[in-house]
Amino acid sequence: MNRLASMILVIVALAMAHGPARAGGSLFGTTWRAVAIDNAPALDAVPTRLLIEADGSFRSFVGCNQLTGIASVSYQRLTFELLASTGKACPSPASLQEQNYVAALDATRSFAIDGDVLKFYDAAGTPLVSFATDPPH
């Protein structure tokens, strides 16, 4: 498949991903705050936030590091490709939360939005990360 056709498919898929959101956050353009990672509450002292832009690029802040990459969306399917990280050595518990979060992004295969809650799931449907919309500061 040529690059132009791939880009068109990504744009169409991104546009379709807006549909499942109900009264609350949209997958795109909403800053999401992690509230649970790998079935454990996310630490308030280690802010973990995610923003996926309409073009599929994403930025995420995890405690002391910034992550960037590409999110690929098709209907309810979702995968992440991490392109860069600032690579700072975070002290514990930030480093452990970051490791779990990055592993969860890598394993993500689908998502669901219900109001102000976004959840990522692995291929077996196991919840990996739960987010809530992050109110403006």
Protein backbone atom coordinates (compact mmCIF):
# COMPACT_ATOMS: atom_id res chain seq x y z
CA MET A 1 0.00 0.00 0.00
CA ASN A 2 1.50 3.31 -0.92
CA ARG A 3 2.13 6.05 1.63
CA LEU A 4 -0.72 8.32 0.43
CA ALA A 5 -3.28 5.52 0.69
CA SER A 6 -1.97 4.66 4.19
CA MET A 7 -2.29 8.28 5.28
CA ILE A 8 -5.84 8.48 3.93
CA LEU A 9 -6.79 5.32 5.84
CA VAL A 10 -5.32 6.77 9.04
CA ILE A 11 -7.24 10.02 8.60
CA VAL A 12 -10.50 8.17 7.96
CA ALA A 13 -9.90 5.91 10.96
CA LEU A 14 -9.14 8.90 13.16
CA ALA A 15 -12.34 10.62 12.08
CA MET A 16 -14.33 7.46 12.84
CA ALA A 17 -12.80 7.16 16.31
CA HIS A 18 -14.66 10.27 17.42
CA GLY A 19 -17.96 8.41 17.19
CA PRO A 20 -17.81 6.08 20.22
CA ALA A 21 -17.29 8.88 22.75
CA ARG A 22 -20.37 9.71 24.78
CA ALA A 23 -20.91 13.06 26.54
CA GLY A 24 -17.45 13.59 27.86
CA GLY A 25 -13.99 13.23 26.45
CA SER A 26 -13.03 12.46 22.88
CA LEU A 27 -10.07 10.24 22.11
CA PHE A 28 -8.56 13.17 20.22
CA GLY A 29 -7.75 16.59 21.62
CA THR A 30 -8.59 15.65 25.21
CA THR A 31 -5.93 15.56 27.90
CA TRP A 32 -6.43 12.29 29.76
CA ARG A 33 -5.05 11.63 33.27
CA ALA A 34 -4.19 8.03 34.18
CA VAL A 35 -6.13 6.86 37.24
CA ALA A 36 -5.17 3.16 37.10
CA ILE A 37 -2.28 1.33 35.44
CA ASP A 38 -2.13 -2.45 35.35
CA ASN A 39 -5.08 -2.68 37.81
CA ALA A 40 -3.29 -0.53 40.41
CA PRO A 41 -4.20 3.07 41.22
CA ALA A 42 -1.96 5.59 39.47
CA LEU A 43 0.08 7.61 41.94
CA ASP A 44 -1.05 11.22 42.29
CA ALA A 45 2.57 12.17 42.98
CA VAL A 46 3.51 10.82 39.54
CA PRO A 47 1.27 12.71 37.10
CA THR A 48 0.66 10.60 34.01
CA ARG A 49 -1.14 12.37 31.18
CA LEU A 50 -1.88 11.55 27.54
CA LEU A 51 -2.95 13.73 24.62
CA ILE A 52 -3.67 12.20 21.20
CA GLU A 53 -3.96 14.74 18.39
CA ALA A 54 -6.31 14.38 15.40
CA ASP A 55 -3.33 13.51 13.16
CA GLY A 56 -2.53 10.49 15.37
CA SER A 57 0.52 11.96 17.06
CA PHE A 58 0.55 11.63 20.82
CA ARG A 59 2.35 13.22 23.75
CA SER A 60 2.42 11.74 27.18
CA PHE A 61 4.01 12.94 30.40
CA VAL A 62 4.92 10.30 32.96
CA GLY A 63 6.35 11.66 36.19
CA CYS A 64 9.59 13.06 34.83
CA ASN A 65 9.67 11.99 31.18
CA GLN A 66 7.89 13.13 28.05
CA LEU A 67 6.92 10.44 25.51
CA THR A 68 5.97 11.08 21.88
CA GLY A 69 4.83 8.81 19.12
CA ILE A 70 2.05 7.75 16.79
CA ALA A 71 -1.31 6.26 17.75
CA SER A 72 -2.95 4.11 15.07
CA VAL A 73 -6.73 3.96 15.34
CA SER A 74 -9.26 1.89 13.40
CA TYR A 75 -12.76 1.75 14.89
CA GLN A 76 -12.11 0.56 18.46
CA ARG A 77 -8.64 -0.81 17.68
CA LEU A 78 -5.70 1.19 19.00
CA THR A 79 -1.96 0.68 18.94
CA PHE A 80 0.93 2.94 19.88
CA GLU A 81 4.35 3.40 18.36
CA LEU A 82 6.72 5.15 20.74
CA LEU A 83 9.07 7.39 18.77
CA ALA A 84 10.94 9.27 21.47
CA SER A 85 11.34 9.71 25.20
CA THR A 86 13.30 12.30 27.10
CA GLY A 87 15.06 9.42 28.91
CA LYS A 88 15.59 11.03 32.30
CA ALA A 89 16.36 8.69 35.16
CA CYS A 90 13.25 8.97 37.34
CA PRO A 91 13.42 8.07 41.02
CA SER A 92 11.09 5.39 42.39
CA PRO A 93 8.10 5.20 42.43
CA ALA A 94 7.99 7.33 39.25
CA SER A 95 10.28 4.93 37.39
CA LEU A 96 8.09 1.91 38.20
CA GLN A 97 4.89 3.71 37.15
CA GLU A 98 6.59 4.83 33.93
CA GLN A 99 7.75 1.27 33.13
CA ASN A 100 4.25 -0.12 33.72
CA TYR A 101 2.65 2.66 31.66
CA VAL A 102 5.01 2.23 28.69
CA ALA A 103 4.46 -1.55 28.79
CA ALA A 104 0.69 -0.94 28.83
CA LEU A 105 0.89 1.39 25.81
CA ASP A 106 2.93 -1.24 23.99
CA ALA A 107 0.34 -3.94 24.76
CA THR A 108 -2.73 -1.79 23.96
CA ARG A 109 -4.90 -3.19 21.15
CA SER A 110 -8.29 -1.55 21.78
CA PHE A 111 -10.00 1.23 23.68
CA ALA A 112 -13.40 2.30 24.96
CA ILE A 113 -14.72 5.66 26.07
CA ASP A 114 -17.66 6.00 28.42
CA GLY A 115 -18.33 9.64 29.28
CA ASP A 116 -15.20 11.00 30.94
CA VAL A 117 -13.47 7.60 31.22
CA LEU A 118 -11.07 6.14 28.64
CA LYS A 119 -9.80 2.57 28.97
CA PHE A 120 -7.09 0.72 27.06
CA TYR A 121 -7.23 -3.07 26.67
CA ASP A 122 -4.81 -5.75 25.52
CA ALA A 123 -5.57 -8.33 22.81
CA ALA A 124 -7.42 -10.55 25.32
CA GLY A 125 -9.61 -7.67 26.51
CA THR A 126 -7.80 -7.23 29.82
CA PRO A 127 -7.84 -3.61 31.06
CA LEU A 128 -4.40 -2.01 31.00
CA VAL A 129 -4.90 1.69 31.74
CA SER A 130 -7.89 3.73 32.86
CA PHE A 131 -7.97 7.48 32.31
CA ALA A 132 -10.23 10.33 33.35
CA THR A 133 -10.48 13.65 31.58
CA ASP A 134 -8.01 16.11 33.02
CA PRO A 135 -9.70 19.38 33.95
CA PRO A 136 -7.98 22.53 32.64
CA HIS A 137 -5.45 23.96 35.10
